[in-house]
Amino acid sequence: MTLKTKRHATALETISVVVPEEHVEIFENALGTICPTVGIFEEDSDKNIWRLEGIKDVGYGEEELANALTLANSISGISPELHRKATESDGWLARTYEAFPEQVIGKRFIIRGTHLDDTPTPSHLVLTLDAGVAFGSGEHGSTRGCLIALEKIAHSKPKRILDLGCGSGILAMGAGALLNKKVLAVDIEPWSVRAAKQNVIRNGLRNLVICEHGNGWLSPSIRKKAPFDLVFANILARPLCKMAKDLAKNLAPGGKVILSGLLATQIPMVLIAHQRQGLKLQEKIIQGSWAALILYKPTTS
């Protein structure tokens, strides 16, 4: 394997905080205000302590970061120390590449970084992404769970498919490639939509995956195409709970939803919020500390 690295124009730094599990989401959002990707790593499994890391340009977004952390401290009631360390761009890219070799997921999928030169296994559906962006979030366990869940429900042959909060577009591309159906991929972050569009073109799926910028269920394109037979929502536990009512309203009878971005310990909270809206649990999929849930909307008699 040959690692292709290119020098970053400005100096990079890694910023990090260490927090209890119940505050992970709050501080992930805080670091995410200026860091394109935020990694989440288990620091102490016995005490449920997690480390959050983000990479950013030195000096970039300092005021926004300070304001976001002040808000996070106020909401959580804790004030974790912000750690900083210089990060060599070439070294960071090399470590990122080494940490994410070709990944075989389930029975059908292979995820590969653009840095890999060797030939992938021909019997699988291969999705190629920029490793520095696609795997920088530290949430690949949730992505794996979603793709495994997709394989499990593929036999239902959903026609109207939505990837809500699409990020790199990996789930939308997986659904488009596996089901040969058009998929609407929507994200609130413009840079995510740009990255998703590039990945869709890179994987030859531009005729199947449509990437658009939008604000969740308020997005005109989503409202126009609803109800959906399959929805991916690989976001975070609390936003999932808040959107449960809108999700149920926009899911067709018999439709399925794959929820992820939640820790296994957060399953009860997310499950209860959706069961209150009439959705039923089909299956739980655990990948390390992360979980994916397959839920369905019962058909009316």
C-alpha atoms as a PDB file:
ATOM      1  CA  MET A   1       0.000   0.000   0.000  1.00  0.00           C
ATOM      2  CA  THR A   2       1.299   3.478  -0.862  1.00  0.00           C
ATOM      3  CA  LEU A   3       0.254   6.441   1.285  1.00  0.00           C
ATOM      4  CA  LYS A   4      -0.360   9.570  -0.744  1.00  0.00           C
ATOM      5  CA  THR A   5       0.037  12.663   1.425  1.00  0.00           C
ATOM      6  CA  LYS A   6       0.033  16.320   0.506  1.00  0.00           C
ATOM      7  CA  ARG A   7       1.179  19.197   2.690  1.00  0.00           C
ATOM      8  CA  HIS A   8      -1.489  21.320   4.335  1.00  0.00           C
ATOM      9  CA  ALA A   9      -1.169  25.050   3.601  1.00  0.00           C
ATOM     10  CA  THR A  10      -1.419  26.123   7.263  1.00  0.00           C
ATOM     11  CA  ALA A  11      -0.409  24.632  10.606  1.00  0.00           C
ATOM     12  CA  LEU A  12      -2.852  22.224  12.199  1.00  0.00           C
ATOM     13  CA  GLU A  13      -3.639  21.520  15.832  1.00  0.00           C
ATOM     14  CA  THR A  14      -5.618  18.877  17.671  1.00  0.00           C
ATOM     15  CA  ILE A  15      -8.015  20.147  20.328  1.00  0.00           C
ATOM     16  CA  SER A  16      -9.606  17.767  22.807  1.00  0.00           C
ATOM     17  CA  VAL A  17     -11.724  17.492  25.950  1.00  0.00           C
ATOM     18  CA  VAL A  18     -12.428  14.545  28.258  1.00  0.00           C
ATOM     19  CA  VAL A  19     -16.006  14.252  29.514  1.00  0.00           C
ATOM     20  CA  PRO A  20     -18.470  11.744  31.048  1.00  0.00           C
ATOM     21  CA  GLU A  21     -20.605   9.806  28.584  1.00  0.00           C
ATOM     22  CA  GLU A  22     -23.781  11.785  29.279  1.00  0.00           C
ATOM     23  CA  HIS A  23     -22.086  14.983  28.083  1.00  0.00           C
ATOM     24  CA  VAL A  24     -20.473  13.600  24.913  1.00  0.00           C
ATOM     25  CA  GLU A  25     -23.118  14.989  22.581  1.00  0.00           C
ATOM     26  CA  ILE A  26     -22.993  18.505  24.062  1.00  0.00           C
ATOM     27  CA  PHE A  27     -19.222  18.824  23.698  1.00  0.00           C
ATOM     28  CA  GLU A  28     -19.156  17.102  20.306  1.00  0.00           C
ATOM     29  CA  ASN A  29     -21.453  19.851  19.060  1.00  0.00           C
ATOM     30  CA  ALA A  30     -19.203  22.479  20.664  1.00  0.00           C
ATOM     31  CA  LEU A  31     -16.022  21.234  18.962  1.00  0.00           C
ATOM     32  CA  GLY A  32     -18.001  20.673  15.775  1.00  0.00           C
ATOM     33  CA  THR A  33     -18.666  24.403  15.432  1.00  0.00           C
ATOM     34  CA  ILE A  34     -15.163  24.840  14.002  1.00  0.00           C
ATOM     35  CA  CYS A  35     -13.790  21.316  13.407  1.00  0.00           C
ATOM     36  CA  PRO A  36     -14.954  19.595  10.199  1.00  0.00           C
ATOM     37  CA  THR A  37     -14.681  16.247  11.997  1.00  0.00           C
ATOM     38  CA  VAL A  38     -14.798  15.294  15.672  1.00  0.00           C
ATOM     39  CA  GLY A  39     -13.469  11.958  16.906  1.00  0.00           C
ATOM     40  CA  ILE A  40     -15.029  10.194  19.889  1.00  0.00           C
ATOM     41  CA  PHE A  41     -12.842   7.735  21.769  1.00  0.00           C
ATOM     42  CA  GLU A  42     -13.413   5.709  24.930  1.00  0.00           C
ATOM     43  CA  GLU A  43     -10.984   6.973  27.586  1.00  0.00           C
ATOM     44  CA  ASP A  44     -12.080   4.899  30.600  1.00  0.00           C
ATOM     45  CA  SER A  45     -14.672   2.154  30.062  1.00  0.00           C
ATOM     46  CA  ASP A  46     -15.140   1.517  33.780  1.00  0.00           C
ATOM     47  CA  LYS A  47     -16.051   5.123  34.504  1.00  0.00           C
ATOM     48  CA  ASN A  48     -17.753   5.809  31.123  1.00  0.00           C
ATOM     49  CA  ILE A  49     -15.321   8.621  30.321  1.00  0.00           C
ATOM     50  CA  TRP A  50     -14.807   9.686  26.680  1.00  0.00           C
ATOM     51  CA  ARG A  51     -12.252  11.818  24.847  1.00  0.00           C
ATOM     52  CA  LEU A  52     -13.384  14.086  22.007  1.00  0.00           C
ATOM     53  CA  GLU A  53     -10.817  15.300  19.469  1.00  0.00           C
ATOM     54  CA  GLY A  54     -11.030  17.717  16.583  1.00  0.00           C
ATOM     55  CA  ILE A  55      -8.486  18.876  13.992  1.00  0.00           C
ATOM     56  CA  LYS A  56      -8.429  22.526  12.943  1.00  0.00           C
ATOM     57  CA  ASP A  57      -6.152  25.208  11.522  1.00  0.00           C
ATOM     58  CA  VAL A  58      -4.167  26.986  14.227  1.00  0.00           C
ATOM     59  CA  GLY A  59      -5.864  30.264  15.128  1.00  0.00           C
ATOM     60  CA  TYR A  60      -9.063  29.493  13.252  1.00  0.00           C
ATOM     61  CA  GLY A  61     -12.442  30.078  14.902  1.00  0.00           C
ATOM     62  CA  GLU A  62     -11.141  30.883  18.374  1.00  0.00           C
ATOM     63  CA  GLU A  63     -14.031  33.168  19.306  1.00  0.00           C
ATOM     64  CA  GLU A  64     -16.639  30.721  18.008  1.00  0.00           C
ATOM     65  CA  LEU A  65     -14.944  27.888  19.899  1.00  0.00           C
ATOM     66  CA  ALA A  66     -14.821  29.862  23.143  1.00  0.00           C
ATOM     67  CA  ASN A  67     -18.505  30.755  22.876  1.00  0.00           C
ATOM     68  CA  ALA A  68     -19.496  27.168  22.059  1.00  0.00           C
ATOM     69  CA  LEU A  69     -17.524  25.774  24.995  1.00  0.00           C
ATOM     70  CA  THR A  70     -18.981  28.367  27.365  1.00  0.00           C
ATOM     71  CA  LEU A  71     -22.465  27.290  26.304  1.00  0.00           C
ATOM     72  CA  ALA A  72     -21.558  23.601  26.632  1.00  0.00           C
ATOM     73  CA  ASN A  73     -20.163  24.217  30.123  1.00  0.00           C
ATOM     74  CA  SER A  74     -23.352  26.004  31.124  1.00  0.00           C
ATOM     75  CA  ILE A  75     -25.635  23.270  29.793  1.00  0.00           C
ATOM     76  CA  SER A  76     -23.620  20.343  31.203  1.00  0.00           C
ATOM     77  CA  GLY A  77     -22.608  21.884  34.513  1.00  0.00           C
ATOM     78  CA  ILE A  78     -18.981  20.846  33.997  1.00  0.00           C
ATOM     79  CA  SER A  79     -15.926  22.719  32.690  1.00  0.00           C
ATOM     80  CA  PRO A  80     -13.461  20.260  31.155  1.00  0.00           C
ATOM     81  CA  GLU A  81     -10.005  21.524  30.265  1.00  0.00           C
ATOM     82  CA  LEU A  82      -9.395  22.166  26.564  1.00  0.00           C
ATOM     83  CA  HIS A  83      -6.169  20.467  25.478  1.00  0.00           C
ATOM     84  CA  ARG A  84      -4.198  21.521  22.415  1.00  0.00           C
ATOM     85  CA  LYS A  85      -1.278  19.946  20.600  1.00  0.00           C
ATOM     86  CA  ALA A  86       0.466  20.714  17.347  1.00  0.00           C
ATOM     87  CA  THR A  87      -0.371  18.278  14.565  1.00  0.00           C
ATOM     88  CA  GLU A  88       1.797  17.735  11.516  1.00  0.00           C
ATOM     89  CA  SER A  89      -0.495  17.622   8.517  1.00  0.00           C
ATOM     90  CA  ASP A  90       1.481  14.928   6.710  1.00  0.00           C
ATOM     91  CA  GLY A  91       1.777  12.840   9.860  1.00  0.00           C
ATOM     92  CA  TRP A  92      -1.918  13.215  10.642  1.00  0.00           C
ATOM     93  CA  LEU A  93      -2.891  12.103   7.155  1.00  0.00           C
ATOM     94  CA  ALA A  94      -0.550   9.128   7.335  1.00  0.00           C
ATOM     95  CA  ARG A  95      -1.949   8.059  10.710  1.00  0.00           C
ATOM     96  CA  THR A  96      -5.499   8.481   9.409  1.00  0.00           C
ATOM     97  CA  TYR A  97      -4.751   6.319   6.387  1.00  0.00           C
ATOM     98  CA  GLU A  98      -3.057   3.630   8.456  1.00  0.00           C
ATOM     99  CA  ALA A  99      -5.945   3.568  10.927  1.00  0.00           C
ATOM    100  CA  PHE A 100      -8.534   2.917   8.211  1.00  0.00           C
ATOM    101  CA  PRO A 101      -7.577   0.220   5.744  1.00  0.00           C
ATOM    102  CA  GLU A 102     -10.148  -1.392   3.492  1.00  0.00           C
ATOM    103  CA  GLN A 103     -13.184  -2.287   5.590  1.00  0.00           C
ATOM    104  CA  VAL A 104     -15.434  -5.218   4.733  1.00  0.00           C
ATOM    105  CA  ILE A 105     -18.885  -4.529   6.164  1.00  0.00           C
ATOM    106  CA  GLY A 106     -21.589  -7.176   6.286  1.00  0.00           C
ATOM    107  CA  LYS A 107     -21.811  -9.489   3.295  1.00  0.00           C
ATOM    108  CA  ARG A 108     -21.966  -6.931   0.499  1.00  0.00           C
ATOM    109  CA  PHE A 109     -20.007  -3.755   1.248  1.00  0.00           C
ATOM    110  CA  ILE A 110     -16.400  -2.672   1.161  1.00  0.00           C
ATOM    111  CA  ILE A 111     -15.431   0.850   2.243  1.00  0.00           C
ATOM    112  CA  ARG A 112     -12.133   2.115   0.863  1.00  0.00           C
ATOM    113  CA  GLY A 113     -10.172   5.320   1.232  1.00  0.00           C
ATOM    114  CA  THR A 114      -8.947   7.138  -1.859  1.00  0.00           C
ATOM    115  CA  HIS A 115      -5.390   6.497  -0.631  1.00  0.00           C
ATOM    116  CA  LEU A 116      -5.558   2.745  -1.351  1.00  0.00           C
ATOM    117  CA  ASP A 117      -3.908   1.565  -4.549  1.00  0.00           C
ATOM    118  CA  ASP A 118      -4.570  -2.170  -4.434  1.00  0.00           C
ATOM    119  CA  THR A 119      -7.525  -3.755  -6.213  1.00  0.00           C
ATOM    120  CA  PRO A 120     -10.680  -4.271  -4.102  1.00  0.00           C
ATOM    121  CA  THR A 121     -12.546  -7.562  -3.810  1.00  0.00           C
ATOM    122  CA  PRO A 122     -14.693  -7.739  -6.981  1.00  0.00           C
ATOM    123  CA  SER A 123     -17.609  -9.631  -5.419  1.00  0.00           C
ATOM    124  CA  HIS A 124     -18.564  -6.704  -3.133  1.00  0.00           C
ATOM    125  CA  LEU A 125     -20.103  -3.288  -3.608  1.00  0.00           C
ATOM    126  CA  VAL A 126     -17.184  -0.897  -3.203  1.00  0.00           C
ATOM    127  CA  LEU A 127     -17.688   2.616  -1.846  1.00  0.00           C
ATOM    128  CA  THR A 128     -14.657   4.898  -2.086  1.00  0.00           C
ATOM    129  CA  LEU A 129     -14.278   7.957   0.116  1.00  0.00           C
ATOM    130  CA  ASP A 130     -11.611  10.429   1.145  1.00  0.00           C
ATOM    131  CA  ALA A 131     -10.313   8.814   4.336  1.00  0.00           C
ATOM    132  CA  GLY A 132      -9.360  12.116   5.917  1.00  0.00           C
ATOM    133  CA  VAL A 133     -12.995  13.233   5.865  1.00  0.00           C
ATOM    134  CA  ALA A 134     -15.014  10.027   5.812  1.00  0.00           C
ATOM    135  CA  PHE A 135     -13.325   8.391   8.792  1.00  0.00           C
ATOM    136  CA  GLY A 136     -12.307  11.420  10.804  1.00  0.00           C
ATOM    137  CA  SER A 137     -15.483  11.450  12.866  1.00  0.00           C
ATOM    138  CA  GLY A 138     -14.613   8.358  14.915  1.00  0.00           C
ATOM    139  CA  GLU A 139     -18.176   7.165  14.361  1.00  0.00           C
ATOM    140  CA  HIS A 140     -17.478   4.425  11.827  1.00  0.00           C
ATOM    141  CA  GLY A 141     -19.136   1.925  14.212  1.00  0.00           C
ATOM    142  CA  SER A 142     -22.461   3.645  13.647  1.00  0.00           C
ATOM    143  CA  THR A 143     -21.924   3.682   9.881  1.00  0.00           C
ATOM    144  CA  ARG A 144     -21.121  -0.040   9.903  1.00  0.00           C
ATOM    145  CA  GLY A 145     -24.305  -0.714  11.842  1.00  0.00           C
ATOM    146  CA  CYS A 146     -26.373   1.221   9.313  1.00  0.00           C
ATOM    147  CA  LEU A 147     -24.944  -0.656   6.330  1.00  0.00           C
ATOM    148  CA  ILE A 148     -25.493  -3.999   8.040  1.00  0.00           C
ATOM    149  CA  ALA A 149     -29.067  -2.913   8.800  1.00  0.00           C
ATOM    150  CA  LEU A 150     -29.525  -1.941   5.145  1.00  0.00           C
ATOM    151  CA  GLU A 151     -28.575  -5.452   4.067  1.00  0.00           C
ATOM    152  CA  LYS A 152     -31.124  -6.892   6.484  1.00  0.00           C
ATOM    153  CA  ILE A 153     -34.055  -4.867   5.116  1.00  0.00           C
ATOM    154  CA  ALA A 154     -33.072  -4.828   1.420  1.00  0.00           C
ATOM    155  CA  HIS A 155     -35.569  -7.615   0.655  1.00  0.00           C
ATOM    156  CA  SER A 156     -38.443  -5.190   1.359  1.00  0.00           C
ATOM    157  CA  LYS A 157     -37.381  -3.250  -1.775  1.00  0.00           C
ATOM    158  CA  PRO A 158     -38.067   0.320  -0.601  1.00  0.00           C
ATOM    159  CA  LYS A 159     -38.660   2.808  -3.407  1.00  0.00           C
ATOM    160  CA  ARG A 160     -38.627   6.244  -1.742  1.00  0.00           C
ATOM    161  CA  ILE A 161     -35.414   6.568   0.256  1.00  0.00           C
ATOM    162  CA  LEU A 162     -34.021   9.409   2.376  1.00  0.00           C
ATOM    163  CA  ASP A 163     -30.631   9.832   4.036  1.00  0.00           C
ATOM    164  CA  LEU A 164     -31.245  12.556   6.634  1.00  0.00           C
ATOM    165  CA  GLY A 165     -28.024  14.173   7.815  1.00  0.00           C
ATOM    166  CA  CYS A 166     -26.070  12.465   5.049  1.00  0.00           C
ATOM    167  CA  GLY A 167     -22.563  13.657   5.970  1.00  0.00           C
ATOM    168  CA  SER A 168     -20.159  12.067   3.485  1.00  0.00           C
ATOM    169  CA  GLY A 169     -23.087  10.407   1.681  1.00  0.00           C
ATOM    170  CA  ILE A 170     -21.919   6.884   2.457  1.00  0.00           C
ATOM    171  CA  LEU A 171     -25.342   5.538   3.469  1.00  0.00           C
ATOM    172  CA  ALA A 172     -27.132   7.142   0.539  1.00  0.00           C
ATOM    173  CA  MET A 173     -24.546   5.663  -1.816  1.00  0.00           C
ATOM    174  CA  GLY A 174     -24.814   2.263  -0.162  1.00  0.00           C
ATOM    175  CA  ALA A 175     -28.585   2.254  -0.592  1.00  0.00           C
ATOM    176  CA  GLY A 176     -28.404   3.480  -4.170  1.00  0.00           C
ATOM    177  CA  ALA A 177     -25.806   0.876  -5.135  1.00  0.00           C
ATOM    178  CA  LEU A 178     -27.461  -2.048  -3.344  1.00  0.00           C
ATOM    179  CA  LEU A 179     -31.100  -1.314  -4.204  1.00  0.00           C
ATOM    180  CA  ASN A 180     -30.593   0.437  -7.554  1.00  0.00           C
ATOM    181  CA  LYS A 181     -33.081   3.096  -6.450  1.00  0.00           C
ATOM    182  CA  LYS A 182     -32.862   6.878  -6.284  1.00  0.00           C
ATOM    183  CA  VAL A 183     -31.929   8.267  -2.879  1.00  0.00           C
ATOM    184  CA  LEU A 184     -32.370  11.792  -1.549  1.00  0.00           C
ATOM    185  CA  ALA A 185     -29.420  12.810   0.659  1.00  0.00           C
ATOM    186  CA  VAL A 186     -29.865  15.976   2.754  1.00  0.00           C
ATOM    187  CA  ASP A 187     -27.590  17.716   5.248  1.00  0.00           C
ATOM    188  CA  ILE A 188     -27.756  21.022   7.103  1.00  0.00           C
ATOM    189  CA  GLU A 189     -24.005  21.628   6.643  1.00  0.00           C
ATOM    190  CA  PRO A 190     -23.060  23.011   3.189  1.00  0.00           C
ATOM    191  CA  TRP A 191     -19.555  21.493   3.376  1.00  0.00           C
ATOM    192  CA  SER A 192     -21.083  18.052   3.998  1.00  0.00           C
ATOM    193  CA  VAL A 193     -23.279  18.415   0.927  1.00  0.00           C
ATOM    194  CA  ARG A 194     -20.257  19.387  -1.165  1.00  0.00           C
ATOM    195  CA  ALA A 195     -18.291  16.396   0.117  1.00  0.00           C
ATOM    196  CA  ALA A 196     -21.229  14.066  -0.499  1.00  0.00           C
ATOM    197  CA  LYS A 197     -21.620  15.313  -4.069  1.00  0.00           C
ATOM    198  CA  GLN A 198     -17.933  14.694  -4.731  1.00  0.00           C
ATOM    199  CA  ASN A 199     -18.190  11.183  -3.298  1.00  0.00           C
ATOM    200  CA  VAL A 200     -21.293  10.431  -5.363  1.00  0.00           C
ATOM    201  CA  ILE A 201     -19.464  11.477  -8.546  1.00  0.00           C
ATOM    202  CA  ARG A 202     -16.344   9.532  -7.489  1.00  0.00           C
ATOM    203  CA  ASN A 203     -18.435   6.369  -7.096  1.00  0.00           C
ATOM    204  CA  GLY A 204     -20.388   6.791 -10.346  1.00  0.00           C
ATOM    205  CA  LEU A 205     -23.751   7.172  -8.579  1.00  0.00           C
ATOM    206  CA  ARG A 206     -24.845  10.652  -9.659  1.00  0.00           C
ATOM    207  CA  ASN A 207     -27.876   9.172 -11.472  1.00  0.00           C
ATOM    208  CA  LEU A 208     -29.077   7.532  -8.245  1.00  0.00           C
ATOM    209  CA  VAL A 209     -28.082   9.830  -5.352  1.00  0.00           C
ATOM    210  CA  ILE A 210     -29.312  13.422  -5.165  1.00  0.00           C
ATOM    211  CA  CYS A 211     -27.495  15.574  -2.577  1.00  0.00           C
ATOM    212  CA  GLU A 212     -29.161  18.729  -1.289  1.00  0.00           C
ATOM    213  CA  HIS A 213     -28.690  21.291   1.463  1.00  0.00           C
ATOM    214  CA  GLY A 214     -31.639  21.480   3.855  1.00  0.00           C
ATOM    215  CA  ASN A 215     -32.808  21.928   7.424  1.00  0.00           C
ATOM    216  CA  GLY A 216     -34.059  18.489   8.411  1.00  0.00           C
ATOM    217  CA  TRP A 217     -37.739  17.772   7.972  1.00  0.00           C
ATOM    218  CA  LEU A 218     -38.354  21.416   7.015  1.00  0.00           C
ATOM    219  CA  SER A 219     -36.433  20.933   3.763  1.00  0.00           C
ATOM    220  CA  PRO A 220     -38.695  21.574   0.734  1.00  0.00           C
ATOM    221  CA  SER A 221     -37.231  18.589  -1.156  1.00  0.00           C
ATOM    222  CA  ILE A 222     -38.028  16.258   1.746  1.00  0.00           C
ATOM    223  CA  ARG A 223     -41.557  17.582   2.175  1.00  0.00           C
ATOM    224  CA  LYS A 224     -42.133  17.203  -1.571  1.00  0.00           C
ATOM    225  CA  LYS A 225     -40.987  13.568  -1.750  1.00  0.00           C
ATOM    226  CA  ALA A 226     -42.502  12.291   1.532  1.00  0.00           C
ATOM    227  CA  PRO A 227     -43.678   9.839   2.690  1.00  0.00           C
ATOM    228  CA  PHE A 228     -40.622   7.580   2.520  1.00  0.00           C
ATOM    229  CA  ASP A 229     -40.301   3.807   2.504  1.00  0.00           C
ATOM    230  CA  LEU A 230     -36.816   3.931   4.055  1.00  0.00           C
ATOM    231  CA  VAL A 231     -35.121   6.634   6.107  1.00  0.00           C
ATOM    232  CA  PHE A 232     -31.546   6.699   7.373  1.00  0.00           C
ATOM    233  CA  ALA A 233     -30.915   9.012  10.311  1.00  0.00           C
ATOM    234  CA  ASN A 234     -27.328   8.579  11.501  1.00  0.00           C
ATOM    235  CA  ILE A 235     -27.213  11.673  13.667  1.00  0.00           C
ATOM    236  CA  LEU A 236     -27.079  11.864  17.489  1.00  0.00           C
ATOM    237  CA  ALA A 237     -29.339  10.486  20.188  1.00  0.00           C
ATOM    238  CA  ARG A 238     -31.028  13.671  21.396  1.00  0.00           C
ATOM    239  CA  PRO A 239     -31.715  15.156  17.941  1.00  0.00           C
ATOM    240  CA  LEU A 240     -33.176  11.782  16.960  1.00  0.00           C
ATOM    241  CA  CYS A 241     -35.551  11.949  19.921  1.00  0.00           C
ATOM    242  CA  LYS A 242     -36.603  15.495  19.064  1.00  0.00           C
ATOM    243  CA  MET A 243     -37.348  14.518  15.458  1.00  0.00           C
ATOM    244  CA  ALA A 244     -39.254  11.320  16.265  1.00  0.00           C
ATOM    245  CA  LYS A 245     -42.680  12.886  15.637  1.00  0.00           C
ATOM    246  CA  ASP A 246     -41.663  14.329  12.261  1.00  0.00           C
ATOM    247  CA  LEU A 247     -40.050  11.052  11.283  1.00  0.00           C
ATOM    248  CA  ALA A 248     -43.176   9.034  12.036  1.00  0.00           C
ATOM    249  CA  LYS A 249     -45.307  11.547  10.141  1.00  0.00           C
ATOM    250  CA  ASN A 250     -43.106  11.291   7.033  1.00  0.00           C
ATOM    251  CA  LEU A 251     -42.691   7.504   7.045  1.00  0.00           C
ATOM    252  CA  ALA A 252     -45.060   5.513   4.825  1.00  0.00           C
ATOM    253  CA  PRO A 253     -47.110   2.692   6.392  1.00  0.00           C
ATOM    254  CA  GLY A 254     -44.866  -0.363   6.351  1.00  0.00           C
ATOM    255  CA  GLY A 255     -41.844   1.901   5.935  1.00  0.00           C
ATOM    256  CA  LYS A 256     -38.606   1.347   7.834  1.00  0.00           C
ATOM    257  CA  VAL A 257     -36.114   3.659   9.484  1.00  0.00           C
ATOM    258  CA  ILE A 258     -32.509   2.967  10.404  1.00  0.00           C
ATOM    259  CA  LEU A 259     -31.448   5.110  13.346  1.00  0.00           C
ATOM    260  CA  SER A 260     -27.841   5.470  14.476  1.00  0.00           C
ATOM    261  CA  GLY A 261     -25.245   7.856  15.810  1.00  0.00           C
ATOM    262  CA  LEU A 262     -26.199   6.708  19.294  1.00  0.00           C
ATOM    263  CA  LEU A 263     -24.223   4.861  21.928  1.00  0.00           C
ATOM    264  CA  ALA A 264     -25.541   1.466  22.959  1.00  0.00           C
ATOM    265  CA  THR A 265     -26.338   2.921  26.375  1.00  0.00           C
ATOM    266  CA  GLN A 266     -28.657   5.466  24.711  1.00  0.00           C
ATOM    267  CA  ILE A 267     -30.878   2.838  23.078  1.00  0.00           C
ATOM    268  CA  PRO A 268     -33.687   3.022  25.676  1.00  0.00           C
ATOM    269  CA  MET A 269     -33.989   6.815  25.368  1.00  0.00           C
ATOM    270  CA  VAL A 270     -34.143   6.773  21.560  1.00  0.00           C
ATOM    271  CA  LEU A 271     -36.385   3.717  21.410  1.00  0.00           C
ATOM    272  CA  ILE A 272     -38.979   5.121  23.823  1.00  0.00           C
ATOM    273  CA  ALA A 273     -39.182   8.417  21.914  1.00  0.00           C
ATOM    274  CA  HIS A 274     -40.028   6.576  18.686  1.00  0.00           C
ATOM    275  CA  GLN A 275     -42.312   3.983  20.228  1.00  0.00           C
ATOM    276  CA  ARG A 276     -44.414   6.860  21.554  1.00  0.00           C
ATOM    277  CA  GLN A 277     -44.975   7.826  17.908  1.00  0.00           C
ATOM    278  CA  GLY A 278     -46.239   4.358  17.025  1.00  0.00           C
ATOM    279  CA  LEU A 279     -43.031   2.919  15.547  1.00  0.00           C
ATOM    280  CA  LYS A 280     -42.035  -0.665  16.361  1.00  0.00           C
ATOM    281  CA  LEU A 281     -38.590  -2.150  16.918  1.00  0.00           C
ATOM    282  CA  GLN A 282     -37.471  -4.730  14.386  1.00  0.00           C
ATOM    283  CA  GLU A 283     -33.835  -5.235  15.379  1.00  0.00           C
ATOM    284  CA  LYS A 284     -30.875  -3.796  17.294  1.00  0.00           C
ATOM    285  CA  ILE A 285     -27.389  -3.928  15.796  1.00  0.00           C
ATOM    286  CA  ILE A 286     -24.406  -3.290  18.072  1.00  0.00           C
ATOM    287  CA  GLN A 287     -20.987  -2.357  16.699  1.00  0.00           C
ATOM    288  CA  GLY A 288     -18.567  -1.767  19.542  1.00  0.00           C
ATOM    289  CA  SER A 289     -19.950   1.086  21.660  1.00  0.00           C
ATOM    290  CA  TRP A 290     -22.335   2.197  18.903  1.00  0.00           C
ATOM    291  CA  ALA A 291     -25.830   1.022  18.042  1.00  0.00           C
ATOM    292  CA  ALA A 292     -28.178   1.055  15.068  1.00  0.00           C
ATOM    293  CA  LEU A 293     -31.912   0.447  15.372  1.00  0.00           C
ATOM    294  CA  ILE A 294     -34.250  -0.829  12.676  1.00  0.00           C
ATOM    295  CA  LEU A 295     -37.783   0.420  13.311  1.00  0.00           C
ATOM    296  CA  TYR A 296     -40.916   0.149  11.190  1.00  0.00           C
ATOM    297  CA  LYS A 297     -44.279   1.840  10.900  1.00  0.00           C
ATOM    298  CA  PRO A 298     -47.142  -0.667  11.120  1.00  0.00           C
ATOM    299  CA  THR A 299     -49.558  -0.778   8.232  1.00  0.00           C
ATOM    300  CA  THR A 300     -53.109   0.290   9.003  1.00  0.00           C
ATOM    301  CA  SER A 301     -55.684  -2.498   9.020  1.00  0.00           C
END
